[in-house]
PDB file of N, CA and C in Angstrom:
ATOM      1  N   MET A   1       0.825  -1.170   0.000  1.00  0.00           N
ATOM      2  CA  MET A   1       0.000   0.000   0.000  1.00  0.00           C
ATOM      3  C   MET A   1       0.882   1.252   0.000  1.00  0.00           C
ATOM      4  N   THR A   2       0.573   2.186  -0.879  1.00  0.00           N
ATOM      5  CA  THR A   2       1.361   3.412  -0.962  1.00  0.00           C
ATOM      6  C   THR A   2       0.717   4.505  -0.142  1.00  0.00           C
ATOM      7  N   THR A   3       1.570   5.351   0.375  1.00  0.00           N
ATOM      8  CA  THR A   3       1.062   6.484   1.148  1.00  0.00           C
ATOM      9  C   THR A   3       1.357   7.759   0.399  1.00  0.00           C
ATOM     10  N   MET A   4       0.544   8.737   0.577  1.00  0.00           N
ATOM     11  CA  MET A   4       0.730  10.042  -0.049  1.00  0.00           C
ATOM     12  C   MET A   4       1.802  10.818   0.722  1.00  0.00           C
ATOM     13  N   LYS A   5       2.726  11.388  -0.038  1.00  0.00           N
ATOM     14  CA  LYS A   5       3.774  12.190   0.586  1.00  0.00           C
ATOM     15  C   LYS A   5       3.305  13.625   0.681  1.00  0.00           C
ATOM     16  N   THR A   6       3.729  14.301   1.717  1.00  0.00           N
ATOM     17  CA  THR A   6       3.412  15.717   1.841  1.00  0.00           C
ATOM     18  C   THR A   6       4.374  16.514   0.964  1.00  0.00           C
ATOM     19  N   SER A   7       4.020  17.761   0.710  1.00  0.00           N
ATOM     20  CA  SER A   7       4.877  18.598  -0.134  1.00  0.00           C
ATOM     21  C   SER A   7       6.236  18.831   0.515  1.00  0.00           C
ATOM     22  N   ALA A   8       6.310  18.866   1.828  1.00  0.00           N
ATOM     23  CA  ALA A   8       7.594  19.047   2.515  1.00  0.00           C
ATOM     24  C   ALA A   8       8.491  17.837   2.292  1.00  0.00           C
ATOM     25  N   GLU A   9       7.904  16.649   2.242  1.00  0.00           N
ATOM     26  CA  GLU A   9       8.697  15.451   2.004  1.00  0.00           C
ATOM     27  C   GLU A   9       9.186  15.384   0.555  1.00  0.00           C
ATOM     28  N   ILE A  10       8.405  15.915  -0.378  1.00  0.00           N
ATOM     29  CA  ILE A  10       8.770  15.877  -1.791  1.00  0.00           C
ATOM     30  C   ILE A  10       9.986  16.760  -2.065  1.00  0.00           C
ATOM     31  N   VAL A  11      10.009  17.981  -1.501  1.00  0.00           N
ATOM     32  CA  VAL A  11      11.101  18.916  -1.774  1.00  0.00           C
ATOM     33  C   VAL A  11      12.245  18.787  -0.782  1.00  0.00           C
ATOM     34  N   ASN A  12      12.195  17.818   0.079  1.00  0.00           N
ATOM     35  CA  ASN A  12      13.190  17.687   1.145  1.00  0.00           C
ATOM     36  C   ASN A  12      14.610  17.496   0.614  1.00  0.00           C
ATOM     37  N   GLY A  13      14.831  16.682  -0.417  1.00  0.00           N
ATOM     38  CA  GLY A  13      16.181  16.421  -0.895  1.00  0.00           C
ATOM     39  C   GLY A  13      16.626  17.319  -2.028  1.00  0.00           C
ATOM     40  N   LEU A  14      15.835  18.315  -2.398  1.00  0.00           N
ATOM     41  CA  LEU A  14      16.153  19.176  -3.534  1.00  0.00           C
ATOM     42  C   LEU A  14      17.028  20.353  -3.121  1.00  0.00           C
ATOM     43  N   PRO A  15      17.750  20.946  -4.081  1.00  0.00           N
ATOM     44  CA  PRO A  15      18.564  22.133  -3.763  1.00  0.00           C
ATOM     45  C   PRO A  15      17.687  23.303  -3.312  1.00  0.00           C
ATOM     46  N   ILE A  16      18.319  24.263  -2.661  1.00  0.00           N
ATOM     47  CA  ILE A  16      17.597  25.399  -2.096  1.00  0.00           C
ATOM     48  C   ILE A  16      16.895  26.224  -3.172  1.00  0.00           C
ATOM     49  N   TRP A  17      17.528  26.366  -4.353  1.00  0.00           N
ATOM     50  CA  TRP A  17      16.915  27.191  -5.391  1.00  0.00           C
ATOM     51  C   TRP A  17      15.633  26.555  -5.906  1.00  0.00           C
ATOM     52  N   VAL A  18      15.540  25.226  -5.906  1.00  0.00           N
ATOM     53  CA  VAL A  18      14.307  24.555  -6.325  1.00  0.00           C
ATOM     54  C   VAL A  18      13.213  24.795  -5.287  1.00  0.00           C
ATOM     55  N   LYS A  19      13.597  24.764  -4.015  1.00  0.00           N
ATOM     56  CA  LYS A  19      12.627  25.031  -2.953  1.00  0.00           C
ATOM     57  C   LYS A  19      12.079  26.450  -3.055  1.00  0.00           C
ATOM     58  N   VAL A  20      12.962  27.410  -3.363  1.00  0.00           N
ATOM     59  CA  VAL A  20      12.524  28.800  -3.500  1.00  0.00           C
ATOM     60  C   VAL A  20      11.556  28.937  -4.671  1.00  0.00           C
ATOM     61  N   VAL A  21      11.865  28.284  -5.785  1.00  0.00           N
ATOM     62  CA  VAL A  21      10.990  28.359  -6.961  1.00  0.00           C
ATOM     63  C   VAL A  21       9.635  27.750  -6.649  1.00  0.00           C
ATOM     64  N   THR A  22       9.598  26.661  -5.916  1.00  0.00           N
ATOM     65  CA  THR A  22       8.303  26.040  -5.605  1.00  0.00           C
ATOM     66  C   THR A  22       7.478  26.919  -4.672  1.00  0.00           C
ATOM     67  N   VAL A  23       8.115  27.699  -3.823  1.00  0.00           N
ATOM     68  CA  VAL A  23       7.373  28.537  -2.882  1.00  0.00           C
ATOM     69  C   VAL A  23       6.893  29.828  -3.544  1.00  0.00           C
ATOM     70  N   VAL A  24       7.781  30.549  -4.247  1.00  0.00           N
ATOM     71  CA  VAL A  24       7.416  31.876  -4.770  1.00  0.00           C
ATOM     72  C   VAL A  24       6.964  31.852  -6.220  1.00  0.00           C
ATOM     73  N   GLY A  25       7.318  30.846  -6.980  1.00  0.00           N
ATOM     74  CA  GLY A  25       6.911  30.771  -8.379  1.00  0.00           C
ATOM     75  C   GLY A  25       8.042  31.173  -9.320  1.00  0.00           C
ATOM     76  N   PHE A  26       8.014  30.603 -10.503  1.00  0.00           N
ATOM     77  CA  PHE A  26       9.069  30.817 -11.490  1.00  0.00           C
ATOM     78  C   PHE A  26       9.154  32.265 -11.975  1.00  0.00           C
ATOM     79  N   PRO A  27       8.049  32.935 -12.338  1.00  0.00           N
ATOM     80  CA  PRO A  27       8.166  34.327 -12.821  1.00  0.00           C
ATOM     81  C   PRO A  27       8.784  35.276 -11.796  1.00  0.00           C
ATOM     82  N   ILE A  28       8.481  35.081 -10.527  1.00  0.00           N
ATOM     83  CA  ILE A  28       9.038  35.958  -9.494  1.00  0.00           C
ATOM     84  C   ILE A  28      10.536  35.704  -9.343  1.00  0.00           C
ATOM     85  N   VAL A  29      10.971  34.456  -9.444  1.00  0.00           N
ATOM     86  CA  VAL A  29      12.397  34.141  -9.353  1.00  0.00           C
ATOM     87  C   VAL A  29      13.152  34.763 -10.525  1.00  0.00           C
ATOM     88  N   VAL A  30      12.584  34.678 -11.736  1.00  0.00           N
ATOM     89  CA  VAL A  30      13.236  35.268 -12.909  1.00  0.00           C
ATOM     90  C   VAL A  30      13.319  36.785 -12.755  1.00  0.00           C
ATOM     91  N   ALA A  31      12.229  37.416 -12.312  1.00  0.00           N
ATOM     92  CA  ALA A  31      12.238  38.866 -12.122  1.00  0.00           C
ATOM     93  C   ALA A  31      13.258  39.274 -11.057  1.00  0.00           C
ATOM     94  N   ALA A  32      13.325  38.518  -9.967  1.00  0.00           N
ATOM     95  CA  ALA A  32      14.299  38.826  -8.906  1.00  0.00           C
ATOM     96  C   ALA A  32      15.729  38.660  -9.418  1.00  0.00           C
ATOM     97  N   PHE A  33      15.958  37.649 -10.262  1.00  0.00           N
ATOM     98  CA  PHE A  33      17.292  37.444 -10.827  1.00  0.00           C
ATOM     99  C   PHE A  33      17.715  38.642 -11.669  1.00  0.00           C
ATOM    100  N   PHE A  34      16.825  39.102 -12.561  1.00  0.00           N
ATOM    101  CA  PHE A  34      17.179  40.240 -13.417  1.00  0.00           C
ATOM    102  C   PHE A  34      17.331  41.528 -12.624  1.00  0.00           C
ATOM    103  N   MET A  35      16.532  41.700 -11.577  1.00  0.00           N
ATOM    104  CA  MET A  35      16.685  42.889 -10.731  1.00  0.00           C
ATOM    105  C   MET A  35      18.030  42.849 -10.001  1.00  0.00           C
ATOM    106  N   ALA A  36      18.407  41.683  -9.486  1.00  0.00           N
ATOM    107  CA  ALA A  36      19.690  41.560  -8.798  1.00  0.00           C
ATOM    108  C   ALA A  36      20.847  41.769  -9.773  1.00  0.00           C
ATOM    109  N   GLN A  37      20.671  41.320 -11.005  1.00  0.00           N
ATOM    110  CA  GLN A  37      21.720  41.492 -12.007  1.00  0.00           C
ATOM    111  C   GLN A  37      21.867  42.967 -12.377  1.00  0.00           C
ATOM    112  N   SER A  38      20.752  43.682 -12.552  1.00  0.00           N
ATOM    113  CA  SER A  38      20.877  45.107 -12.887  1.00  0.00           C
ATOM    114  C   SER A  38      21.349  45.935 -11.703  1.00  0.00           C
ATOM    115  N   ALA A  39      21.140  45.464 -10.477  1.00  0.00           N
ATOM    116  CA  ALA A  39      21.642  46.180  -9.303  1.00  0.00           C
ATOM    117  C   ALA A  39      23.119  45.904  -9.060  1.00  0.00           C
ATOM    118  N   GLY A  40      23.695  44.934  -9.787  1.00  0.00           N
ATOM    119  CA  GLY A  40      25.105  44.637  -9.644  1.00  0.00           C
ATOM    120  C   GLY A  40      25.401  43.584  -8.595  1.00  0.00           C
ATOM    121  N   MET A  41      24.382  42.978  -8.027  1.00  0.00           N
ATOM    122  CA  MET A  41      24.590  41.939  -7.024  1.00  0.00           C
ATOM    123  C   MET A  41      25.045  40.628  -7.669  1.00  0.00           C
ATOM    124  N   ILE A  42      24.636  40.412  -8.922  1.00  0.00           N
ATOM    125  CA  ILE A  42      25.036  39.236  -9.694  1.00  0.00           C
ATOM    126  C   ILE A  42      25.790  39.760 -10.907  1.00  0.00           C
ATOM    127  N   PRO A  43      26.977  39.225 -11.190  1.00  0.00           N
ATOM    128  CA  PRO A  43      27.729  39.735 -12.341  1.00  0.00           C
ATOM    129  C   PRO A  43      26.985  39.479 -13.652  1.00  0.00           C
ATOM    130  N   SER A  44      27.058  40.450 -14.537  1.00  0.00           N
ATOM    131  CA  SER A  44      26.390  40.358 -15.825  1.00  0.00           C
ATOM    132  C   SER A  44      27.155  39.420 -16.755  1.00  0.00           C
ATOM    133  N   THR A  45      26.428  38.586 -17.466  1.00  0.00           N
ATOM    134  CA  THR A  45      27.075  37.675 -18.411  1.00  0.00           C
ATOM    135  C   THR A  45      27.632  38.445 -19.604  1.00  0.00           C
ATOM    136  N   THR A  46      26.967  39.512 -20.006  1.00  0.00           N
ATOM    137  CA  THR A  46      27.477  40.290 -21.140  1.00  0.00           C
ATOM    138  C   THR A  46      28.749  41.040 -20.756  1.00  0.00           C
ATOM    139  N   GLY A  47      28.837  41.513 -19.520  1.00  0.00           N
ATOM    140  CA  GLY A  47      30.056  42.186 -19.066  1.00  0.00           C
ATOM    141  C   GLY A  47      31.241  41.249 -19.069  1.00  0.00           C
ATOM    142  N   ARG A  48      31.019  40.031 -18.621  1.00  0.00           N
ATOM    143  CA  ARG A  48      32.101  39.033 -18.630  1.00  0.00           C
ATOM    144  C   ARG A  48      32.481  38.677 -20.054  1.00  0.00           C
ATOM    145  N   LEU A  49      31.493  38.580 -20.929  1.00  0.00           N
ATOM    146  CA  LEU A  49      31.772  38.276 -22.334  1.00  0.00           C
ATOM    147  C   LEU A  49      32.596  39.381 -22.980  1.00  0.00           C
ATOM    148  N   VAL A  50      32.288  40.619 -22.665  1.00  0.00           N
ATOM    149  CA  VAL A  50      33.049  41.751 -23.202  1.00  0.00           C
ATOM    150  C   VAL A  50      34.496  41.695 -22.714  1.00  0.00           C
ATOM    151  N   GLN A  51      34.701  41.341 -21.452  1.00  0.00           N
ATOM    152  CA  GLN A  51      36.068  41.219 -20.929  1.00  0.00           C
ATOM    153  C   GLN A  51      36.852  40.132 -21.665  1.00  0.00           C
ATOM    154  N   VAL A  52      36.201  39.007 -21.916  1.00  0.00           N
ATOM    155  CA  VAL A  52      36.869  37.908 -22.631  1.00  0.00           C
ATOM    156  C   VAL A  52      37.219  38.345 -24.049  1.00  0.00           C
ATOM    157  N   ILE A  53      36.284  39.030 -24.717  1.00  0.00           N
ATOM    158  CA  ILE A  53      36.529  39.492 -26.089  1.00  0.00           C
ATOM    159  C   ILE A  53      37.672  40.500 -26.117  1.00  0.00           C
ATOM    160  N   GLU A  54      37.715  41.431 -25.158  1.00  0.00           N
ATOM    161  CA  GLU A  54      38.797  42.412 -25.113  1.00  0.00           C
ATOM    162  C   GLU A  54      40.146  41.738 -24.893  1.00  0.00           C
ATOM    163  N   ARG A  55      40.186  40.732 -24.012  1.00  0.00           N
ATOM    164  CA  ARG A  55      41.436  40.019 -23.762  1.00  0.00           C
ATOM    165  C   ARG A  55      41.886  39.272 -25.013  1.00  0.00           C
ATOM    166  N   ARG A  56      40.960  38.612 -25.701  1.00  0.00           N
ATOM    167  CA  ARG A  56      41.301  37.880 -26.927  1.00  0.00           C
ATOM    168  C   ARG A  56      41.734  38.834 -28.039  1.00  0.00           C
ATOM    169  N   THR A  57      41.124  40.000 -28.113  1.00  0.00           N
ATOM    170  CA  THR A  57      41.513  40.987 -29.116  1.00  0.00           C
ATOM    171  C   THR A  57      42.930  41.475 -28.861  1.00  0.00           C
ATOM    172  N   ALA A  58      43.266  41.724 -27.605  1.00  0.00           N
ATOM    173  CA  ALA A  58      44.632  42.151 -27.270  1.00  0.00           C
ATOM    174  C   ALA A  58      45.645  41.061 -27.618  1.00  0.00           C
ATOM    175  N   GLN A  59      45.288  39.800 -27.337  1.00  0.00           N
ATOM    176  CA  GLN A  59      46.183  38.696 -27.687  1.00  0.00           C
ATOM    177  C   GLN A  59      46.342  38.587 -29.202  1.00  0.00           C
ATOM    178  N   SER A  60      45.253  38.784 -29.929  1.00  0.00           N
ATOM    179  CA  SER A  60      45.303  38.718 -31.390  1.00  0.00           C
ATOM    180  C   SER A  60      46.156  39.850 -31.954  1.00  0.00           C
ATOM    181  N   ASP A  61      46.000  41.061 -31.404  1.00  0.00           N
ATOM    182  CA  ASP A  61      46.812  42.191 -31.859  1.00  0.00           C
ATOM    183  C   ASP A  61      48.301  41.929 -31.633  1.00  0.00           C
ATOM    184  N   GLN A  62      48.635  41.371 -30.473  1.00  0.00           N
ATOM    185  CA  GLN A  62      50.032  41.049 -30.180  1.00  0.00           C
ATOM    186  C   GLN A  62      50.556  39.988 -31.144  1.00  0.00           C
ATOM    187  N   HIS A  63      49.725  38.998 -31.446  1.00  0.00           N
ATOM    188  CA  HIS A  63      50.131  37.946 -32.377  1.00  0.00           C
ATOM    189  C   HIS A  63      50.359  38.516 -33.779  1.00  0.00           C
ATOM    190  N   ILE A  64      49.479  39.415 -34.211  1.00  0.00           N
ATOM    191  CA  ILE A  64      49.625  40.040 -35.535  1.00  0.00           C
ATOM    192  C   ILE A  64      50.922  40.849 -35.601  1.00  0.00           C
ATOM    193  N   LYS A  65      51.222  41.607 -34.537  1.00  0.00           N
ATOM    194  CA  LYS A  65      52.449  42.406 -34.521  1.00  0.00           C
ATOM    195  C   LYS A  65      53.682  41.504 -34.581  1.00  0.00           C
ATOM    196  N   THR A  66      53.670  40.422 -33.815  1.00  0.00           N
ATOM    197  CA  THR A  66      54.788  39.482 -33.828  1.00  0.00           C
ATOM    198  C   THR A  66      54.952  38.853 -35.207  1.00  0.00           C
ATOM    199  N   THR A  67      53.843  38.473 -35.827  1.00  0.00           N
ATOM    200  CA  THR A  67      53.892  37.862 -37.155  1.00  0.00           C
ATOM    201  C   THR A  67      54.435  38.849 -38.185  1.00  0.00           C
ATOM    202  N   GLU A  68      54.010  40.108 -38.111  1.00  0.00           N
ATOM    203  CA  GLU A  68      54.512  41.118 -39.041  1.00  0.00           C
ATOM    204  C   GLU A  68      56.013  41.334 -38.847  1.00  0.00           C
ATOM    205  N   ASP A  69      56.480  41.370 -37.600  1.00  0.00           N
ATOM    206  CA  ASP A  69      57.914  41.529 -37.330  1.00  0.00           C
ATOM    207  C   ASP A  69      58.710  40.358 -37.894  1.00  0.00           C
ATOM    208  N   LEU A  70      58.166  39.149 -37.737  1.00  0.00           N
ATOM    209  CA  LEU A  70      58.853  37.975 -38.283  1.00  0.00           C
ATOM    210  C   LEU A  70      58.878  38.006 -39.807  1.00  0.00           C
ATOM    211  N   ALA A  71      57.793  38.460 -40.420  1.00  0.00           N
ATOM    212  CA  ALA A  71      57.749  38.535 -41.880  1.00  0.00           C
ATOM    213  C   ALA A  71      58.775  39.543 -42.404  1.00  0.00           C
ATOM    214  N   VAL A  72      58.937  40.663 -41.713  1.00  0.00           N
ATOM    215  CA  VAL A  72      59.949  41.651 -42.110  1.00  0.00           C
ATOM    216  C   VAL A  72      61.341  41.032 -42.018  1.00  0.00           C
ATOM    217  N   GLY A  73      61.610  40.294 -40.953  1.00  0.00           N
ATOM    218  CA  GLY A  73      62.906  39.644 -40.794  1.00  0.00           C
ATOM    219  C   GLY A  73      63.161  38.601 -41.879  1.00  0.00           C
ATOM    220  N   ILE A  74      62.123  37.849 -42.240  1.00  0.00           N
ATOM    221  CA  ILE A  74      62.280  36.837 -43.293  1.00  0.00           C
ATOM    222  C   ILE A  74      62.554  37.504 -44.635  1.00  0.00           C
ATOM    223  N   ARG A  75      61.825  38.590 -44.949  1.00  0.00           N
ATOM    224  CA  ARG A  75      62.065  39.298 -46.215  1.00  0.00           C
ATOM    225  C   ARG A  75      63.475  39.877 -46.258  1.00  0.00           C
ATOM    226  N   ARG A  76      63.946  40.404 -45.135  1.00  0.00           N
ATOM    227  CA  ARG A  76      65.300  40.954 -45.077  1.00  0.00           C
ATOM    228  C   ARG A  76      66.336  39.850 -45.322  1.00  0.00           C
ATOM    229  N   ALA A  77      66.124  38.687 -44.692  1.00  0.00           N
ATOM    230  CA  ALA A  77      67.056  37.568 -44.885  1.00  0.00           C
ATOM    231  C   ALA A  77      67.021  37.084 -46.331  1.00  0.00           C
ATOM    232  N   MET A  78      65.832  37.060 -46.941  1.00  0.00           N
ATOM    233  CA  MET A  78      65.737  36.640 -48.342  1.00  0.00           C
ATOM    234  C   MET A  78      66.461  37.614 -49.269  1.00  0.00           C
ATOM    235  N   ARG A  79      66.324  38.916 -48.984  1.00  0.00           N
ATOM    236  CA  ARG A  79      66.997  39.914 -49.801  1.00  0.00           C
ATOM    237  C   ARG A  79      68.514  39.774 -49.684  1.00  0.00           C
ATOM    238  N   ILE A  80      69.001  39.541 -48.472  1.00  0.00           N
ATOM    239  CA  ILE A  80      70.447  39.380 -48.270  1.00  0.00           C
ATOM    240  C   ILE A  80      70.947  38.133 -48.992  1.00  0.00           C
ATOM    241  N   MET A  81      70.186  37.035 -48.890  1.00  0.00           N
ATOM    242  CA  MET A  81      70.595  35.808 -49.588  1.00  0.00           C
ATOM    243  C   MET A  81      70.567  36.008 -51.100  1.00  0.00           C
ATOM    244  N   CYS A  82      69.578  36.772 -51.583  1.00  0.00           N
ATOM    245  CA  CYS A  82      69.493  37.050 -53.016  1.00  0.00           C
ATOM    246  C   CYS A  82      70.704  37.875 -53.465  1.00  0.00           C
ATOM    247  N   GLU A  83      71.046  38.899 -52.673  1.00  0.00           N
ATOM    248  CA  GLU A  83      72.197  39.727 -53.026  1.00  0.00           C
ATOM    249  C   GLU A  83      73.496  38.928 -52.985  1.00  0.00           C
ATOM    250  N   ASN A  84      73.606  38.021 -52.034  1.00  0.00           N
ATOM    251  CA  ASN A  84      74.816  37.190 -51.946  1.00  0.00           C
ATOM    252  C   ASN A  84      74.913  36.209 -53.113  1.00  0.00           C
ATOM    253  N   ALA A  85      73.791  35.771 -53.622  1.00  0.00           N
ATOM    254  CA  ALA A  85      73.797  34.800 -54.719  1.00  0.00           C
ATOM    255  C   ALA A  85      73.819  35.470 -56.086  1.00  0.00           C
ATOM    256  N   ALA A  86      73.640  36.800 -56.127  1.00  0.00           N
ATOM    257  CA  ALA A  86      73.588  37.515 -57.411  1.00  0.00           C
ATOM    258  C   ALA A  86      74.950  37.487 -58.085  1.00  0.00           C
ATOM    259  N   ARG A  87      74.928  37.393 -59.399  1.00  0.00           N
ATOM    260  CA  ARG A  87      76.178  37.319 -60.157  1.00  0.00           C
ATOM    261  C   ARG A  87      76.668  38.689 -60.622  1.00  0.00           C
ATOM    262  N   ASP A  88      75.699  39.609 -60.842  1.00  0.00           N
ATOM    263  CA  ASP A  88      76.118  40.941 -61.292  1.00  0.00           C
ATOM    264  C   ASP A  88      75.181  41.990 -60.688  1.00  0.00           C
ATOM    265  N   ASP A  89      75.441  43.270 -61.047  1.00  0.00           N
ATOM    266  CA  ASP A  89      74.660  44.369 -60.461  1.00  0.00           C
ATOM    267  C   ASP A  89      73.188  44.313 -60.840  1.00  0.00           C
ATOM    268  N   SER A  90      72.849  43.881 -62.042  1.00  0.00           N
ATOM    269  CA  SER A  90      71.438  43.826 -62.445  1.00  0.00           C
ATOM    270  C   SER A  90      70.678  42.790 -61.607  1.00  0.00           C
ATOM    271  N   ASP A  91      71.322  41.680 -61.274  1.00  0.00           N
ATOM    272  CA  ASP A  91      70.687  40.682 -60.390  1.00  0.00           C
ATOM    273  C   ASP A  91      70.499  41.257 -58.989  1.00  0.00           C
ATOM    274  N   ARG A  92      71.489  42.017 -58.518  1.00  0.00           N
ATOM    275  CA  ARG A  92      71.383  42.619 -57.180  1.00  0.00           C
ATOM    276  C   ARG A  92      70.257  43.645 -57.122  1.00  0.00           C
ATOM    277  N   ARG A  93      70.063  44.401 -58.225  1.00  0.00           N
ATOM    278  CA  ARG A  93      68.975  45.377 -58.253  1.00  0.00           C
ATOM    279  C   ARG A  93      67.620  44.690 -58.186  1.00  0.00           C
ATOM    280  N   ARG A  94      67.500  43.544 -58.825  1.00  0.00           N
ATOM    281  CA  ARG A  94      66.230  42.795 -58.760  1.00  0.00           C
ATOM    282  C   ARG A  94      65.952  42.293 -57.344  1.00  0.00           C
ATOM    283  N   CYS A  95      66.970  42.108 -56.541  1.00  0.00           N
ATOM    284  CA  CYS A  95      66.782  41.664 -55.155  1.00  0.00           C
ATOM    285  C   CYS A  95      66.088  42.732 -54.311  1.00  0.00           C
ATOM    286  N   GLY A  96      66.203  43.990 -54.717  1.00  0.00           N
ATOM    287  CA  GLY A  96      65.533  45.075 -53.998  1.00  0.00           C
ATOM    288  C   GLY A  96      64.028  44.999 -54.070  1.00  0.00           C
ATOM    289  N   ALA A  97      63.478  44.247 -55.021  1.00  0.00           N
ATOM    290  CA  ALA A  97      62.027  44.110 -55.157  1.00  0.00           C
ATOM    291  C   ALA A  97      61.427  43.188 -54.094  1.00  0.00           C
ATOM    292  N   ILE A  98      62.274  42.502 -53.344  1.00  0.00           N
ATOM    293  CA  ILE A  98      61.775  41.577 -52.327  1.00  0.00           C
ATOM    294  C   ILE A  98      61.077  42.336 -51.204  1.00  0.00           C
ATOM    295  N   GLU A  99      61.568  43.472 -50.834  1.00  0.00           N
ATOM    296  CA  GLU A  99      60.943  44.248 -49.759  1.00  0.00           C
ATOM    297  C   GLU A  99      59.804  44.980 -50.350  1.00  0.00           C
TER     298      GLU A  99
END
């Protein structure tokens, strides 16, 4: 024979936030969440996303600068190797087009 459980027994093992939702209702919990978020009590997800994007942009800018510096060094080395391998002045002048 089964017995009917009371509402207190049903929510007994659930997390606190589930108990709050069952007592006050889902719309009130959502409204309270957004009010707490706009008051600054809960960190904004968009603010955190903006911080992550700014950090990634700075890392990308640094990577681009490093890559450009390396490309300049490679072009300089290629020009020097071209000039060293040139047989006459006309070949050396063509090496200037590398930069």
